[in-house]
């Protein structure tokens, strides 16, 4: 079991054998990809949304971040993104 940020992951290992080895590689890959996704989302939060150009790719980028927030169950990131992706609730500067 290991933790990163507010998330705790349990590494499960299947019994030995070829199938077990393949499952272990998939589990390790999922853990690695989860770490990358968490880092990507948190770096975006740190930079802020103002660095993303205000055009069509902005919508795509923000929705991608929103998908990551939902998949990672990151409530803080979802709250940060909500005003940017919900029509009519954008922050005024």
PDB file of N, CA and C in Angstrom:
ATOM      1  N   UNK A   1       0.846  -1.166   0.000  1.00  0.00           N
ATOM      2  CA  UNK A   1       0.000   0.000   0.000  1.00  0.00           C
ATOM      3  C   UNK A   1       0.895   1.234   0.000  1.00  0.00           C
ATOM      4  N   UNK A   2       0.562   2.215  -0.819  1.00  0.00           N
ATOM      5  CA  UNK A   2       1.313   3.460  -0.865  1.00  0.00           C
ATOM      6  C   UNK A   2       0.353   4.610  -1.081  1.00  0.00           C
ATOM      7  N   UNK A   3       0.794   5.795  -0.735  1.00  0.00           N
ATOM      8  CA  UNK A   3      -0.082   6.963  -0.844  1.00  0.00           C
ATOM      9  C   UNK A   3       0.639   8.064  -1.598  1.00  0.00           C
ATOM     10  N   UNK A   4      -0.116   8.817  -2.349  1.00  0.00           N
ATOM     11  CA  UNK A   4       0.395  10.005  -3.012  1.00  0.00           C
ATOM     12  C   UNK A   4      -0.688  11.057  -2.921  1.00  0.00           C
ATOM     13  N   UNK A   5      -0.314  12.237  -2.512  1.00  0.00           N
ATOM     14  CA  UNK A   5      -1.272  13.313  -2.329  1.00  0.00           C
ATOM     15  C   UNK A   5      -2.361  12.823  -1.383  1.00  0.00           C
ATOM     16  N   UNK A   6      -3.624  12.878  -1.819  1.00  0.00           N
ATOM     17  CA  UNK A   6      -4.715  12.438  -0.958  1.00  0.00           C
ATOM     18  C   UNK A   6      -5.198  11.043  -1.331  1.00  0.00           C
ATOM     19  N   UNK A   7      -4.477  10.376  -2.213  1.00  0.00           N
ATOM     20  CA  UNK A   7      -4.921   9.087  -2.701  1.00  0.00           C
ATOM     21  C   UNK A   7      -4.108   7.959  -2.103  1.00  0.00           C
ATOM     22  N   UNK A   8      -4.747   6.852  -1.842  1.00  0.00           N
ATOM     23  CA  UNK A   8      -4.080   5.660  -1.352  1.00  0.00           C
ATOM     24  C   UNK A   8      -4.375   4.541  -2.326  1.00  0.00           C
ATOM     25  N   UNK A   9      -3.346   3.859  -2.752  1.00  0.00           N
ATOM     26  CA  UNK A   9      -3.497   2.772  -3.698  1.00  0.00           C
ATOM     27  C   UNK A   9      -3.034   1.480  -3.053  1.00  0.00           C
ATOM     28  N   UNK A  10      -3.725   0.435  -3.336  1.00  0.00           N
ATOM     29  CA  UNK A  10      -3.350  -0.879  -2.838  1.00  0.00           C
ATOM     30  C   UNK A  10      -2.857  -1.688  -4.023  1.00  0.00           C
ATOM     31  N   UNK A  11      -1.618  -2.122  -3.956  1.00  0.00           N
ATOM     32  CA  UNK A  11      -1.076  -2.933  -5.027  1.00  0.00           C
ATOM     33  C   UNK A  11      -1.451  -4.387  -4.758  1.00  0.00           C
ATOM     34  N   UNK A  12      -2.224  -4.951  -5.651  1.00  0.00           N
ATOM     35  CA  UNK A  12      -2.587  -6.347  -5.490  1.00  0.00           C
ATOM     36  C   UNK A  12      -1.754  -7.189  -6.439  1.00  0.00           C
ATOM     37  N   UNK A  13      -1.308  -8.279  -5.961  1.00  0.00           N
ATOM     38  CA  UNK A  13      -0.503  -9.198  -6.756  1.00  0.00           C
ATOM     39  C   UNK A  13      -1.269 -10.495  -6.930  1.00  0.00           C
ATOM     40  N   UNK A  14      -1.308 -10.965  -8.145  1.00  0.00           N
ATOM     41  CA  UNK A  14      -1.986 -12.229  -8.414  1.00  0.00           C
ATOM     42  C   UNK A  14      -0.999 -13.371  -8.230  1.00  0.00           C
ATOM     43  N   UNK A  15      -1.501 -14.590  -8.144  1.00  0.00           N
ATOM     44  CA  UNK A  15      -0.618 -15.739  -7.989  1.00  0.00           C
ATOM     45  C   UNK A  15       0.381 -15.809  -9.142  1.00  0.00           C
ATOM     46  N   UNK A  16       1.474 -16.490  -8.936  1.00  0.00           N
ATOM     47  CA  UNK A  16       2.530 -16.607  -9.945  1.00  0.00           C
ATOM     48  C   UNK A  16       2.038 -17.237 -11.231  1.00  0.00           C
ATOM     49  N   UNK A  17       2.950 -17.410 -12.165  1.00  0.00           N
ATOM     50  CA  UNK A  17       2.591 -17.954 -13.462  1.00  0.00           C
ATOM     51  C   UNK A  17       2.553 -16.869 -14.500  1.00  0.00           C
ATOM     52  N   UNK A  18       2.391 -17.262 -15.751  1.00  0.00           N
ATOM     53  CA  UNK A  18       2.403 -16.296 -16.845  1.00  0.00           C
ATOM     54  C   UNK A  18       1.279 -15.283 -16.723  1.00  0.00           C
ATOM     55  N   UNK A  19       0.083 -15.744 -16.404  1.00  0.00           N
ATOM     56  CA  UNK A  19      -1.044 -14.821 -16.260  1.00  0.00           C
ATOM     57  C   UNK A  19      -0.783 -13.841 -15.121  1.00  0.00           C
ATOM     58  N   UNK A  20      -0.249 -14.349 -14.010  1.00  0.00           N
ATOM     59  CA  UNK A  20       0.062 -13.490 -12.874  1.00  0.00           C
ATOM     60  C   UNK A  20       1.096 -12.437 -13.216  1.00  0.00           C
ATOM     61  N   UNK A  21       2.122 -12.823 -13.974  1.00  0.00           N
ATOM     62  CA  UNK A  21       3.154 -11.870 -14.381  1.00  0.00           C
ATOM     63  C   UNK A  21       2.566 -10.771 -15.260  1.00  0.00           C
ATOM     64  N   UNK A  22       1.687 -11.159 -16.185  1.00  0.00           N
ATOM     65  CA  UNK A  22       1.073 -10.175 -17.070  1.00  0.00           C
ATOM     66  C   UNK A  22       0.167  -9.245 -16.268  1.00  0.00           C
ATOM     67  N   UNK A  23      -0.597  -9.801 -15.326  1.00  0.00           N
ATOM     68  CA  UNK A  23      -1.458  -8.972 -14.486  1.00  0.00           C
ATOM     69  C   UNK A  23      -0.638  -7.998 -13.656  1.00  0.00           C
ATOM     70  N   UNK A  24       0.519  -8.462 -13.147  1.00  0.00           N
ATOM     71  CA  UNK A  24       1.395  -7.590 -12.365  1.00  0.00           C
ATOM     72  C   UNK A  24       1.905  -6.432 -13.213  1.00  0.00           C
ATOM     73  N   UNK A  25       2.271  -6.714 -14.463  1.00  0.00           N
ATOM     74  CA  UNK A  25       2.755  -5.647 -15.350  1.00  0.00           C
ATOM     75  C   UNK A  25       1.643  -4.644 -15.629  1.00  0.00           C
ATOM     76  N   UNK A  26       0.414  -5.138 -15.825  1.00  0.00           N
ATOM     77  CA  UNK A  26      -0.717  -4.236 -16.061  1.00  0.00           C
ATOM     78  C   UNK A  26      -1.007  -3.396 -14.815  1.00  0.00           C
ATOM     79  N   UNK A  27      -0.941  -4.025 -13.649  1.00  0.00           N
ATOM     80  CA  UNK A  27      -1.186  -3.281 -12.399  1.00  0.00           C
ATOM     81  C   UNK A  27      -0.115  -2.213 -12.204  1.00  0.00           C
ATOM     82  N   UNK A  28       1.140  -2.571 -12.473  1.00  0.00           N
ATOM     83  CA  UNK A  28       2.227  -1.603 -12.348  1.00  0.00           C
ATOM     84  C   UNK A  28       2.048  -0.450 -13.328  1.00  0.00           C
ATOM     85  N   UNK A  29       1.606  -0.764 -14.543  1.00  0.00           N
ATOM     86  CA  UNK A  29       1.395   0.268 -15.557  1.00  0.00           C
ATOM     87  C   UNK A  29       0.254   1.196 -15.142  1.00  0.00           C
ATOM     88  N   UNK A  30      -0.834   0.619 -14.605  1.00  0.00           N
ATOM     89  CA  UNK A  30      -1.958   1.446 -14.144  1.00  0.00           C
ATOM     90  C   UNK A  30      -1.514   2.382 -13.028  1.00  0.00           C
ATOM     91  N   UNK A  31      -0.714   1.879 -12.117  1.00  0.00           N
ATOM     92  CA  UNK A  31      -0.216   2.709 -11.013  1.00  0.00           C
ATOM     93  C   UNK A  31       0.649   3.838 -11.557  1.00  0.00           C
ATOM     94  N   UNK A  32       1.521   3.514 -12.509  1.00  0.00           N
ATOM     95  CA  UNK A  32       2.394   4.530 -13.109  1.00  0.00           C
ATOM     96  C   UNK A  32       1.563   5.584 -13.837  1.00  0.00           C
ATOM     97  N   UNK A  33       0.569   5.168 -14.604  1.00  0.00           N
ATOM     98  CA  UNK A  33      -0.276   6.120 -15.325  1.00  0.00           C
ATOM     99  C   UNK A  33      -1.096   6.978 -14.368  1.00  0.00           C
ATOM    100  N   UNK A  34      -1.534   6.401 -13.262  1.00  0.00           N
ATOM    101  CA  UNK A  34      -2.278   7.173 -12.264  1.00  0.00           C
ATOM    102  C   UNK A  34      -1.386   8.260 -11.664  1.00  0.00           C
ATOM    103  N   UNK A  35      -0.151   7.911 -11.371  1.00  0.00           N
ATOM    104  CA  UNK A  35       0.785   8.907 -10.838  1.00  0.00           C
ATOM    105  C   UNK A  35       0.998  10.047 -11.839  1.00  0.00           C
ATOM    106  N   UNK A  36       1.152   9.702 -13.110  1.00  0.00           N
ATOM    107  CA  UNK A  36       1.346  10.716 -14.149  1.00  0.00           C
ATOM    108  C   UNK A  36       0.119  11.618 -14.249  1.00  0.00           C
ATOM    109  N   UNK A  37      -1.065  11.027 -14.209  1.00  0.00           N
ATOM    110  CA  UNK A  37      -2.309  11.802 -14.301  1.00  0.00           C
ATOM    111  C   UNK A  37      -2.445  12.757 -13.122  1.00  0.00           C
ATOM    112  N   UNK A  38      -2.128  12.288 -11.926  1.00  0.00           N
ATOM    113  CA  UNK A  38      -2.192  13.144 -10.735  1.00  0.00           C
ATOM    114  C   UNK A  38      -1.223  14.316 -10.874  1.00  0.00           C
ATOM    115  N   UNK A  39       0.004  14.026 -11.306  1.00  0.00           N
ATOM    116  CA  UNK A  39       0.994  15.092 -11.483  1.00  0.00           C
ATOM    117  C   UNK A  39       0.547  16.108 -12.537  1.00  0.00           C
ATOM    118  N   UNK A  40       0.024  15.621 -13.658  1.00  0.00           N
ATOM    119  CA  UNK A  40      -0.436  16.498 -14.722  1.00  0.00           C
ATOM    120  C   UNK A  40      -1.549  17.423 -14.237  1.00  0.00           C
ATOM    121  N   UNK A  41      -2.509  16.867 -13.533  1.00  0.00           N
ATOM    122  CA  UNK A  41      -3.631  17.656 -13.044  1.00  0.00           C
ATOM    123  C   UNK A  41      -3.182  18.685 -12.014  1.00  0.00           C
ATOM    124  N   UNK A  42      -2.323  18.298 -11.105  1.00  0.00           N
ATOM    125  CA  UNK A  42      -1.871  19.218 -10.066  1.00  0.00           C
ATOM    126  C   UNK A  42      -0.977  20.325 -10.636  1.00  0.00           C
ATOM    127  N   UNK A  43      -0.186  19.997 -11.669  1.00  0.00           N
ATOM    128  CA  UNK A  43       0.612  21.043 -12.320  1.00  0.00           C
ATOM    129  C   UNK A  43      -0.295  22.046 -13.023  1.00  0.00           C
ATOM    130  N   UNK A  44      -1.353  21.554 -13.645  1.00  0.00           N
ATOM    131  CA  UNK A  44      -2.310  22.460 -14.301  1.00  0.00           C
ATOM    132  C   UNK A  44      -2.966  23.365 -13.273  1.00  0.00           C
ATOM    133  N   UNK A  45      -3.320  22.815 -12.117  1.00  0.00           N
ATOM    134  CA  UNK A  45      -3.932  23.622 -11.058  1.00  0.00           C
ATOM    135  C   UNK A  45      -2.952  24.692 -10.578  1.00  0.00           C
ATOM    136  N   UNK A  46      -1.688  24.323 -10.474  1.00  0.00           N
ATOM    137  CA  UNK A  46      -0.669  25.258  -9.998  1.00  0.00           C
ATOM    138  C   UNK A  46      -0.474  26.403 -10.995  1.00  0.00           C
ATOM    139  N   UNK A  47      -0.460  26.072 -12.307  1.00  0.00           N
ATOM    140  CA  UNK A  47      -0.276  27.103 -13.341  1.00  0.00           C
ATOM    141  C   UNK A  47      -1.502  27.987 -13.475  1.00  0.00           C
ATOM    142  N   UNK A  48      -2.674  27.412 -13.286  1.00  0.00           N
ATOM    143  CA  UNK A  48      -3.912  28.161 -13.424  1.00  0.00           C
ATOM    144  C   UNK A  48      -4.457  28.083 -14.838  1.00  0.00           C
ATOM    145  N   UNK A  49      -5.718  28.430 -14.985  1.00  0.00           N
ATOM    146  CA  UNK A  49      -6.365  28.331 -16.292  1.00  0.00           C
ATOM    147  C   UNK A  49      -6.070  29.521 -17.187  1.00  0.00           C
ATOM    148  N   UNK A  50      -5.555  30.590 -16.632  1.00  0.00           N
ATOM    149  CA  UNK A  50      -5.293  31.780 -17.429  1.00  0.00           C
ATOM    150  C   UNK A  50      -4.182  31.574 -18.452  1.00  0.00           C
ATOM    151  N   UNK A  51      -3.326  30.568 -18.266  1.00  0.00           N
ATOM    152  CA  UNK A  51      -2.252  30.311 -19.226  1.00  0.00           C
ATOM    153  C   UNK A  51      -2.756  29.549 -20.450  1.00  0.00           C
ATOM    154  N   UNK A  52      -3.965  28.992 -20.370  1.00  0.00           N
ATOM    155  CA  UNK A  52      -4.556  28.277 -21.508  1.00  0.00           C
ATOM    156  C   UNK A  52      -5.254  29.307 -22.389  1.00  0.00           C
ATOM    157  N   UNK A  53      -4.892  29.387 -23.686  1.00  0.00           N
ATOM    158  CA  UNK A  53      -5.522  30.377 -24.568  1.00  0.00           C
ATOM    159  C   UNK A  53      -7.048  30.256 -24.558  1.00  0.00           C
ATOM    160  N   UNK A  54      -7.720  31.379 -24.669  1.00  0.00           N
ATOM    161  CA  UNK A  54      -9.184  31.413 -24.609  1.00  0.00           C
ATOM    162  C   UNK A  54      -9.769  31.170 -26.009  1.00  0.00           C
ATOM    163  N   UNK A  55      -9.695  29.910 -26.455  1.00  0.00           N
ATOM    164  CA  UNK A  55     -10.217  29.531 -27.758  1.00  0.00           C
ATOM    165  C   UNK A  55     -10.683  28.076 -27.705  1.00  0.00           C
ATOM    166  N   UNK A  56     -10.932  27.477 -28.859  1.00  0.00           N
ATOM    167  CA  UNK A  56     -11.446  26.103 -28.898  1.00  0.00           C
ATOM    168  C   UNK A  56     -10.536  25.109 -28.169  1.00  0.00           C
ATOM    169  N   UNK A  57      -9.205  25.150 -28.378  1.00  0.00           N
ATOM    170  CA  UNK A  57      -8.354  24.210 -27.636  1.00  0.00           C
ATOM    171  C   UNK A  57      -8.462  24.388 -26.117  1.00  0.00           C
ATOM    172  N   UNK A  58      -8.826  25.579 -25.653  1.00  0.00           N
ATOM    173  CA  UNK A  58      -9.021  25.789 -24.212  1.00  0.00           C
ATOM    174  C   UNK A  58     -10.127  24.875 -23.696  1.00  0.00           C
ATOM    175  N   UNK A  59     -11.229  24.822 -24.428  1.00  0.00           N
ATOM    176  CA  UNK A  59     -12.340  23.957 -24.025  1.00  0.00           C
ATOM    177  C   UNK A  59     -11.896  22.501 -23.957  1.00  0.00           C
ATOM    178  N   UNK A  60     -11.142  22.091 -24.961  1.00  0.00           N
ATOM    179  CA  UNK A  60     -10.657  20.715 -25.002  1.00  0.00           C
ATOM    180  C   UNK A  60      -9.740  20.422 -23.821  1.00  0.00           C
ATOM    181  N   UNK A  61      -8.820  21.332 -23.541  1.00  0.00           N
ATOM    182  CA  UNK A  61      -7.886  21.140 -22.427  1.00  0.00           C
ATOM    183  C   UNK A  61      -8.626  21.092 -21.095  1.00  0.00           C
ATOM    184  N   UNK A  62      -9.538  22.031 -20.879  1.00  0.00           N
ATOM    185  CA  UNK A  62     -10.260  22.077 -19.606  1.00  0.00           C
ATOM    186  C   UNK A  62     -11.145  20.842 -19.417  1.00  0.00           C
ATOM    187  N   UNK A  63     -11.775  20.385 -20.482  1.00  0.00           N
ATOM    188  CA  UNK A  63     -12.581  19.166 -20.365  1.00  0.00           C
ATOM    189  C   UNK A  63     -11.701  17.941 -20.109  1.00  0.00           C
ATOM    190  N   UNK A  64     -10.509  17.930 -20.680  1.00  0.00           N
ATOM    191  CA  UNK A  64      -9.563  16.846 -20.388  1.00  0.00           C
ATOM    192  C   UNK A  64      -9.174  16.842 -18.916  1.00  0.00           C
ATOM    193  N   UNK A  65      -8.907  18.027 -18.374  1.00  0.00           N
ATOM    194  CA  UNK A  65      -8.603  18.125 -16.945  1.00  0.00           C
ATOM    195  C   UNK A  65      -9.799  17.683 -16.109  1.00  0.00           C
ATOM    196  N   UNK A  66     -11.000  18.030 -16.555  1.00  0.00           N
ATOM    197  CA  UNK A  66     -12.204  17.637 -15.818  1.00  0.00           C
ATOM    198  C   UNK A  66     -12.366  16.113 -15.812  1.00  0.00           C
ATOM    199  N   UNK A  67     -12.086  15.476 -16.928  1.00  0.00           N
ATOM    200  CA  UNK A  67     -12.154  14.012 -16.986  1.00  0.00           C
ATOM    201  C   UNK A  67     -11.153  13.406 -16.009  1.00  0.00           C
ATOM    202  N   UNK A  68      -9.939  13.940 -15.984  1.00  0.00           N
ATOM    203  CA  UNK A  68      -8.939  13.449 -15.026  1.00  0.00           C
ATOM    204  C   UNK A  68      -9.425  13.629 -13.588  1.00  0.00           C
ATOM    205  N   UNK A  69      -9.987  14.781 -13.287  1.00  0.00           N
ATOM    206  CA  UNK A  69     -10.469  15.043 -11.926  1.00  0.00           C
ATOM    207  C   UNK A  69     -11.549  14.041 -11.532  1.00  0.00           C
ATOM    208  N   UNK A  70     -12.454  13.750 -12.448  1.00  0.00           N
ATOM    209  CA  UNK A  70     -13.524  12.790 -12.151  1.00  0.00           C
ATOM    210  C   UNK A  70     -12.945  11.393 -11.980  1.00  0.00           C
ATOM    211  N   UNK A  71     -12.103  10.973 -12.900  1.00  0.00           N
ATOM    212  CA  UNK A  71     -11.531   9.623 -12.834  1.00  0.00           C
ATOM    213  C   UNK A  71     -10.680   9.422 -11.584  1.00  0.00           C
ATOM    214  N   UNK A  72      -9.972  10.468 -11.178  1.00  0.00           N
ATOM    215  CA  UNK A  72      -9.122  10.384  -9.985  1.00  0.00           C
ATOM    216  C   UNK A  72      -9.889  10.684  -8.698  1.00  0.00           C
ATOM    217  N   UNK A  73     -11.162  11.065  -8.859  1.00  0.00           N
ATOM    218  CA  UNK A  73     -12.002  11.441  -7.721  1.00  0.00           C
ATOM    219  C   UNK A  73     -11.358  12.553  -6.902  1.00  0.00           C
ATOM    220  N   UNK A  74     -10.790  13.528  -7.608  1.00  0.00           N
ATOM    221  CA  UNK A  74     -10.110  14.663  -6.980  1.00  0.00           C
ATOM    222  C   UNK A  74     -11.105  15.815  -6.837  1.00  0.00           C
ATOM    223  N   UNK A  75     -11.692  15.923  -5.665  1.00  0.00           N
ATOM    224  CA  UNK A  75     -12.729  16.921  -5.412  1.00  0.00           C
ATOM    225  C   UNK A  75     -12.171  18.339  -5.518  1.00  0.00           C
ATOM    226  N   UNK A  76     -10.962  18.558  -5.044  1.00  0.00           N
ATOM    227  CA  UNK A  76     -10.360  19.890  -5.113  1.00  0.00           C
ATOM    228  C   UNK A  76     -10.170  20.337  -6.563  1.00  0.00           C
ATOM    229  N   UNK A  77      -9.689  19.443  -7.403  1.00  0.00           N
ATOM    230  CA  UNK A  77      -9.500  19.780  -8.814  1.00  0.00           C
ATOM    231  C   UNK A  77     -10.843  20.029  -9.490  1.00  0.00           C
ATOM    232  N   UNK A  78     -11.839  19.231  -9.166  1.00  0.00           N
ATOM    233  CA  UNK A  78     -13.171  19.418  -9.754  1.00  0.00           C
ATOM    234  C   UNK A  78     -13.740  20.776  -9.351  1.00  0.00           C
ATOM    235  N   UNK A  79     -13.569  21.150  -8.098  1.00  0.00           N
ATOM    236  CA  UNK A  79     -14.057  22.454  -7.629  1.00  0.00           C
ATOM    237  C   UNK A  79     -13.305  23.589  -8.319  1.00  0.00           C
ATOM    238  N   UNK A  80     -12.023  23.407  -8.553  1.00  0.00           N
ATOM    239  CA  UNK A  80     -11.214  24.412  -9.247  1.00  0.00           C
ATOM    240  C   UNK A  80     -11.678  24.574 -10.695  1.00  0.00           C
ATOM    241  N   UNK A  81     -12.027  23.465 -11.350  1.00  0.00           N
ATOM    242  CA  UNK A  81     -12.419  23.497 -12.759  1.00  0.00           C
ATOM    243  C   UNK A  81     -13.872  23.907 -12.981  1.00  0.00           C
ATOM    244  N   UNK A  82     -14.722  23.685 -12.007  1.00  0.00           N
ATOM    245  CA  UNK A  82     -16.156  23.910 -12.185  1.00  0.00           C
ATOM    246  C   UNK A  82     -16.499  25.273 -12.775  1.00  0.00           C
ATOM    247  N   UNK A  83     -15.976  26.365 -12.241  1.00  0.00           N
ATOM    248  CA  UNK A  83     -16.335  27.675 -12.808  1.00  0.00           C
ATOM    249  C   UNK A  83     -15.877  27.848 -14.253  1.00  0.00           C
ATOM    250  N   UNK A  84     -14.901  27.077 -14.685  1.00  0.00           N
ATOM    251  CA  UNK A  84     -14.369  27.214 -16.036  1.00  0.00           C
ATOM    252  C   UNK A  84     -15.129  26.388 -17.060  1.00  0.00           C
ATOM    253  N   UNK A  85     -15.756  25.289 -16.630  1.00  0.00           N
ATOM    254  CA  UNK A  85     -16.408  24.402 -17.599  1.00  0.00           C
ATOM    255  C   UNK A  85     -17.930  24.460 -17.562  1.00  0.00           C
ATOM    256  N   UNK A  86     -18.504  25.020 -16.504  1.00  0.00           N
ATOM    257  CA  UNK A  86     -19.962  25.142 -16.411  1.00  0.00           C
ATOM    258  C   UNK A  86     -20.372  26.481 -17.009  1.00  0.00           C
ATOM    259  N   UNK A  87     -21.218  26.470 -18.038  1.00  0.00           N
ATOM    260  CA  UNK A  87     -21.627  27.728 -18.669  1.00  0.00           C
ATOM    261  C   UNK A  87     -22.251  28.712 -17.665  1.00  0.00           C
ATOM    262  N   UNK A  88     -21.860  29.964 -17.768  1.00  0.00           N
ATOM    263  CA  UNK A  88     -22.425  31.001 -16.930  1.00  0.00           C
ATOM    264  C   UNK A  88     -21.822  31.119 -15.542  1.00  0.00           C
ATOM    265  N   UNK A  89     -20.860  30.273 -15.202  1.00  0.00           N
ATOM    266  CA  UNK A  89     -20.300  30.352 -13.852  1.00  0.00           C
ATOM    267  C   UNK A  89     -18.816  30.692 -13.861  1.00  0.00           C
ATOM    268  N   UNK A  90     -18.319  31.202 -14.982  1.00  0.00           N
ATOM    269  CA  UNK A  90     -16.900  31.520 -15.097  1.00  0.00           C
ATOM    270  C   UNK A  90     -16.524  32.647 -14.163  1.00  0.00           C
ATOM    271  N   UNK A  91     -15.337  32.514 -13.563  1.00  0.00           N
ATOM    272  CA  UNK A  91     -14.832  33.541 -12.652  1.00  0.00           C
ATOM    273  C   UNK A  91     -14.636  34.848 -13.406  1.00  0.00           C
ATOM    274  N   UNK A  92     -14.954  35.916 -12.780  1.00  0.00           N
ATOM    275  CA  UNK A  92     -14.729  37.242 -13.352  1.00  0.00           C
ATOM    276  C   UNK A  92     -13.459  37.827 -12.776  1.00  0.00           C
ATOM    277  N   UNK A  93     -12.588  38.324 -13.638  1.00  0.00           N
ATOM    278  CA  UNK A  93     -11.334  38.925 -13.152  1.00  0.00           C
ATOM    279  C   UNK A  93     -11.296  40.395 -13.425  1.00  0.00           C
TER     280      UNK A  93
END
